Amino acid sequence: MKNATLLPKQKRILERLGENIRLARLRRNLSAELLAERANIGRTTLWSLEKGNANVSLTTLIRVLGALGMAEELAQLAADDTLGRKLQDIELMKGKTKRS
């Protein structure tokens, strides 16, 4: 698989995610070593995640979130698809005006 280059905005989102994970760890008074151990990953991998490295796997992300007690929050990411609903509503309204 070809490595895709991230857009600057996407890089910033990953960096913000990593920072949020680091802050969640610190709020729980967990050292990086302890969280890495609980997530069954290496300290370097946790450091990469906290820095927003794009090469960290989803498996690693879910392990770390699970160790923080936040795994369920990952399932909520696309639960409320505001843009998708608006696009769907536009299409529904187009069909309604054609039938009227």
N, C-alpha and C. Protein backbone atom coordinates (compact mmCIF):
# COMPACT_ATOMS: atom_id res chain seq x y z
N MET A 1 0.84 -1.18 0.00
CA MET A 1 0.00 0.00 0.00
C MET A 1 0.89 1.25 0.00
N LYS A 2 0.53 2.19 -0.80
CA LYS A 2 1.28 3.43 -0.92
C LYS A 2 1.03 4.33 0.30
N ASN A 3 2.09 4.93 0.81
CA ASN A 3 1.94 5.87 1.92
C ASN A 3 1.37 7.18 1.41
N ALA A 4 0.22 7.54 1.88
CA ALA A 4 -0.42 8.78 1.46
C ALA A 4 0.12 9.93 2.31
N THR A 5 0.31 11.06 1.67
CA THR A 5 0.75 12.26 2.37
C THR A 5 -0.47 12.94 2.97
N LEU A 6 -0.35 13.30 4.23
CA LEU A 6 -1.45 14.00 4.89
C LEU A 6 -1.41 15.48 4.57
N LEU A 7 -2.58 16.05 4.51
CA LEU A 7 -2.69 17.49 4.37
C LEU A 7 -2.32 18.15 5.69
N PRO A 8 -1.88 19.40 5.67
CA PRO A 8 -1.51 20.09 6.92
C PRO A 8 -2.64 20.06 7.96
N LYS A 9 -3.87 20.26 7.51
CA LYS A 9 -5.00 20.24 8.45
C LYS A 9 -5.14 18.87 9.10
N GLN A 10 -4.93 17.81 8.33
CA GLN A 10 -5.03 16.45 8.87
C GLN A 10 -3.90 16.19 9.87
N LYS A 11 -2.73 16.70 9.58
CA LYS A 11 -1.60 16.57 10.52
C LYS A 11 -1.92 17.26 11.84
N ARG A 12 -2.51 18.45 11.74
CA ARG A 12 -2.86 19.18 12.97
C ARG A 12 -3.92 18.42 13.78
N ILE A 13 -4.84 17.77 13.11
CA ILE A 13 -5.86 16.99 13.81
C ILE A 13 -5.21 15.84 14.56
N LEU A 14 -4.27 15.14 13.91
CA LEU A 14 -3.57 14.05 14.59
C LEU A 14 -2.75 14.56 15.77
N GLU A 15 -2.13 15.71 15.60
CA GLU A 15 -1.36 16.30 16.70
C GLU A 15 -2.26 16.66 17.87
N ARG A 16 -3.45 17.19 17.56
CA ARG A 16 -4.40 17.54 18.62
C ARG A 16 -4.90 16.28 19.32
N LEU A 17 -5.15 15.22 18.56
CA LEU A 17 -5.56 13.94 19.15
C LEU A 17 -4.47 13.42 20.09
N GLY A 18 -3.24 13.46 19.63
CA GLY A 18 -2.13 13.01 20.47
C GLY A 18 -2.01 13.83 21.75
N GLU A 19 -2.16 15.12 21.63
CA GLU A 19 -2.10 16.01 22.81
C GLU A 19 -3.25 15.70 23.76
N ASN A 20 -4.43 15.45 23.23
CA ASN A 20 -5.57 15.12 24.08
C ASN A 20 -5.34 13.80 24.83
N ILE A 21 -4.73 12.85 24.17
CA ILE A 21 -4.42 11.57 24.82
C ILE A 21 -3.38 11.79 25.91
N ARG A 22 -2.37 12.59 25.62
CA ARG A 22 -1.35 12.89 26.64
C ARG A 22 -1.96 13.58 27.86
N LEU A 23 -2.86 14.54 27.60
CA LEU A 23 -3.51 15.23 28.71
C LEU A 23 -4.40 14.28 29.52
N ALA A 24 -5.08 13.37 28.84
CA ALA A 24 -5.91 12.38 29.55
C ALA A 24 -5.03 11.50 30.44
N ARG A 25 -3.86 11.13 29.94
CA ARG A 25 -2.92 10.33 30.73
C ARG A 25 -2.46 11.11 31.96
N LEU A 26 -2.10 12.37 31.74
CA LEU A 26 -1.62 13.19 32.85
C LEU A 26 -2.71 13.46 33.88
N ARG A 27 -3.95 13.67 33.43
CA ARG A 27 -5.05 13.88 34.37
C ARG A 27 -5.25 12.67 35.28
N ARG A 28 -4.93 11.50 34.76
CA ARG A 28 -5.08 10.27 35.54
C ARG A 28 -3.82 9.95 36.34
N ASN A 29 -2.86 10.85 36.30
CA ASN A 29 -1.58 10.67 36.99
C ASN A 29 -0.89 9.37 36.59
N LEU A 30 -0.94 9.05 35.30
CA LEU A 30 -0.28 7.86 34.79
C LEU A 30 1.01 8.27 34.10
N SER A 31 2.08 7.57 34.39
CA SER A 31 3.32 7.81 33.66
C SER A 31 3.19 7.19 32.28
N ALA A 32 4.02 7.65 31.38
CA ALA A 32 4.01 7.09 30.03
C ALA A 32 4.36 5.61 30.07
N GLU A 33 5.28 5.25 30.94
CA GLU A 33 5.69 3.86 31.05
C GLU A 33 4.54 2.97 31.52
N LEU A 34 3.78 3.45 32.51
CA LEU A 34 2.67 2.66 33.05
C LEU A 34 1.54 2.52 32.02
N LEU A 35 1.21 3.61 31.32
CA LEU A 35 0.16 3.54 30.32
C LEU A 35 0.58 2.62 29.17
N ALA A 36 1.82 2.72 28.74
CA ALA A 36 2.32 1.84 27.68
C ALA A 36 2.21 0.38 28.11
N GLU A 37 2.58 0.11 29.34
CA GLU A 37 2.49 -1.26 29.86
C GLU A 37 1.04 -1.74 29.89
N ARG A 38 0.13 -0.91 30.38
CA ARG A 38 -1.29 -1.28 30.44
C ARG A 38 -1.89 -1.48 29.05
N ALA A 39 -1.40 -0.73 28.07
CA ALA A 39 -1.90 -0.84 26.70
C ALA A 39 -1.16 -1.94 25.91
N ASN A 40 -0.16 -2.52 26.53
CA ASN A 40 0.64 -3.58 25.91
C ASN A 40 1.34 -3.08 24.64
N ILE A 41 1.92 -1.90 24.75
CA ILE A 41 2.70 -1.32 23.65
C ILE A 41 4.01 -0.80 24.23
N GLY A 42 4.92 -0.45 23.37
CA GLY A 42 6.18 0.12 23.82
C GLY A 42 6.04 1.60 24.15
N ARG A 43 6.91 2.10 24.97
CA ARG A 43 6.91 3.52 25.35
C ARG A 43 7.11 4.40 24.11
N THR A 44 7.96 3.97 23.20
CA THR A 44 8.21 4.74 21.99
C THR A 44 6.94 4.85 21.14
N THR A 45 6.15 3.78 21.10
CA THR A 45 4.90 3.81 20.35
C THR A 45 3.92 4.78 20.98
N LEU A 46 3.84 4.79 22.30
CA LEU A 46 2.97 5.74 22.99
C LEU A 46 3.44 7.16 22.72
N TRP A 47 4.74 7.38 22.75
CA TRP A 47 5.29 8.70 22.46
C TRP A 47 4.88 9.13 21.05
N SER A 48 4.96 8.21 20.09
CA SER A 48 4.58 8.52 18.70
C SER A 48 3.11 8.91 18.62
N LEU A 49 2.26 8.18 19.34
CA LEU A 49 0.82 8.49 19.35
C LEU A 49 0.58 9.87 19.96
N GLU A 50 1.23 10.16 21.06
CA GLU A 50 1.05 11.45 21.73
C GLU A 50 1.60 12.61 20.90
N LYS A 51 2.52 12.34 20.00
CA LYS A 51 3.07 13.37 19.12
C LYS A 51 2.24 13.54 17.85
N GLY A 52 1.26 12.66 17.63
CA GLY A 52 0.41 12.77 16.45
C GLY A 52 1.00 12.12 15.22
N ASN A 53 1.87 11.14 15.42
CA ASN A 53 2.49 10.43 14.30
C ASN A 53 1.42 9.65 13.53
N ALA A 54 1.39 9.83 12.22
CA ALA A 54 0.38 9.21 11.38
C ALA A 54 0.59 7.71 11.19
N ASN A 55 1.73 7.19 11.56
CA ASN A 55 2.03 5.78 11.36
C ASN A 55 1.58 4.89 12.51
N VAL A 56 0.97 5.44 13.52
CA VAL A 56 0.47 4.65 14.64
C VAL A 56 -0.83 3.97 14.21
N SER A 57 -0.96 2.70 14.51
CA SER A 57 -2.12 1.94 14.04
C SER A 57 -3.37 2.21 14.87
N LEU A 58 -4.50 1.88 14.26
CA LEU A 58 -5.77 1.99 14.99
C LEU A 58 -5.79 1.02 16.17
N THR A 59 -5.14 -0.11 16.02
CA THR A 59 -5.06 -1.07 17.14
C THR A 59 -4.37 -0.43 18.33
N THR A 60 -3.30 0.28 18.07
CA THR A 60 -2.59 0.98 19.15
C THR A 60 -3.49 2.03 19.78
N LEU A 61 -4.18 2.79 18.95
CA LEU A 61 -5.08 3.82 19.46
C LEU A 61 -6.14 3.23 20.37
N ILE A 62 -6.78 2.13 19.95
CA ILE A 62 -7.84 1.53 20.76
C ILE A 62 -7.27 0.91 22.04
N ARG A 63 -6.07 0.39 21.98
CA ARG A 63 -5.44 -0.15 23.20
C ARG A 63 -5.18 0.95 24.23
N VAL A 64 -4.65 2.08 23.74
CA VAL A 64 -4.36 3.19 24.65
C VAL A 64 -5.65 3.78 25.21
N LEU A 65 -6.63 4.00 24.35
CA LEU A 65 -7.91 4.52 24.83
C LEU A 65 -8.55 3.55 25.83
N GLY A 66 -8.45 2.26 25.57
CA GLY A 66 -8.97 1.27 26.50
C GLY A 66 -8.29 1.35 27.86
N ALA A 67 -6.97 1.50 27.84
CA ALA A 67 -6.22 1.61 29.10
C ALA A 67 -6.57 2.88 29.86
N LEU A 68 -7.02 3.90 29.12
CA LEU A 68 -7.44 5.16 29.76
C LEU A 68 -8.92 5.14 30.15
N GLY A 69 -9.64 4.08 29.76
CA GLY A 69 -11.07 4.01 30.03
C GLY A 69 -11.89 4.86 29.07
N MET A 70 -11.36 5.07 27.87
CA MET A 70 -12.01 5.96 26.92
C MET A 70 -12.32 5.29 25.58
N ALA A 71 -12.24 3.98 25.50
CA ALA A 71 -12.40 3.28 24.22
C ALA A 71 -13.77 3.53 23.59
N GLU A 72 -14.80 3.64 24.40
CA GLU A 72 -16.15 3.85 23.86
C GLU A 72 -16.27 5.18 23.12
N GLU A 73 -15.45 6.14 23.48
CA GLU A 73 -15.50 7.45 22.82
C GLU A 73 -15.09 7.36 21.37
N LEU A 74 -14.25 6.38 21.02
CA LEU A 74 -13.84 6.21 19.64
C LEU A 74 -15.03 5.84 18.76
N ALA A 75 -15.95 5.07 19.28
CA ALA A 75 -17.13 4.66 18.52
C ALA A 75 -18.07 5.83 18.23
N GLN A 76 -17.93 6.90 18.97
CA GLN A 76 -18.81 8.06 18.80
C GLN A 76 -18.33 9.03 17.71
N LEU A 77 -17.16 8.79 17.15
CA LEU A 77 -16.57 9.75 16.22
C LEU A 77 -17.46 10.12 15.05
N ALA A 78 -18.08 9.17 14.42
CA ALA A 78 -18.92 9.47 13.26
C ALA A 78 -20.39 9.20 13.53
N ALA A 79 -20.74 9.10 14.79
CA ALA A 79 -22.12 8.76 15.15
C ALA A 79 -23.10 9.85 14.72
N ASP A 80 -22.73 11.09 14.89
CA ASP A 80 -23.60 12.19 14.51
C ASP A 80 -23.02 12.84 13.27
N ASP A 81 -23.45 12.36 12.11
CA ASP A 81 -22.93 12.80 10.83
C ASP A 81 -23.74 14.00 10.33
N THR A 82 -23.45 15.17 10.86
CA THR A 82 -24.20 16.38 10.53
C THR A 82 -24.16 16.69 9.04
N LEU A 83 -22.98 16.67 8.45
CA LEU A 83 -22.87 16.98 7.03
C LEU A 83 -23.63 15.94 6.19
N GLY A 84 -23.49 14.68 6.51
CA GLY A 84 -24.18 13.64 5.77
C GLY A 84 -25.69 13.80 5.84
N ARG A 85 -26.18 14.16 7.01
CA ARG A 85 -27.62 14.38 7.16
C ARG A 85 -28.10 15.57 6.34
N LYS A 86 -27.32 16.63 6.31
CA LYS A 86 -27.70 17.81 5.52
C LYS A 86 -27.73 17.46 4.03
N LEU A 87 -26.72 16.73 3.56
CA LEU A 87 -26.70 16.32 2.16
C LEU A 87 -27.89 15.42 1.83
N GLN A 88 -28.20 14.53 2.75
CA GLN A 88 -29.34 13.63 2.55
C GLN A 88 -30.64 14.44 2.53
N ASP A 89 -30.78 15.38 3.41
CA ASP A 89 -31.99 16.22 3.45
C ASP A 89 -32.16 17.01 2.15
N ILE A 90 -31.04 17.51 1.59
CA ILE A 90 -31.11 18.24 0.33
C ILE A 90 -31.67 17.34 -0.77
N GLU A 91 -31.17 16.12 -0.82
CA GLU A 91 -31.65 15.17 -1.84
C GLU A 91 -33.12 14.83 -1.62
N LEU A 92 -33.51 14.68 -0.36
CA LEU A 92 -34.91 14.37 -0.06
C LEU A 92 -35.83 15.53 -0.47
N MET A 93 -35.35 16.75 -0.24
CA MET A 93 -36.15 17.92 -0.60
C MET A 93 -36.26 18.05 -2.12
N LYS A 94 -35.23 17.69 -2.85
CA LYS A 94 -35.28 17.71 -4.32
C LYS A 94 -36.35 16.76 -4.82
N GLY A 95 -36.40 15.57 -4.24
CA GLY A 95 -37.40 14.59 -4.64
C GLY A 95 -38.80 15.03 -4.31
N LYS A 96 -38.95 15.74 -3.19
CA LYS A 96 -40.28 16.21 -2.76
C LYS A 96 -40.82 17.28 -3.72
N THR A 97 -39.94 18.17 -4.16
CA THR A 97 -40.41 19.25 -5.06
C THR A 97 -40.75 18.69 -6.44
N LYS A 98 -40.10 17.60 -6.85
CA LYS A 98 -40.41 16.99 -8.14
C LYS A 98 -41.79 16.33 -8.11
N ARG A 99 -42.14 15.75 -6.95
CA ARG A 99 -43.42 15.05 -6.80
C ARG A 99 -44.57 16.02 -6.60
N SER A 100 -44.31 17.22 -6.17
CA SER A 100 -45.38 18.17 -5.84
C SER A 100 -46.09 18.70 -7.06
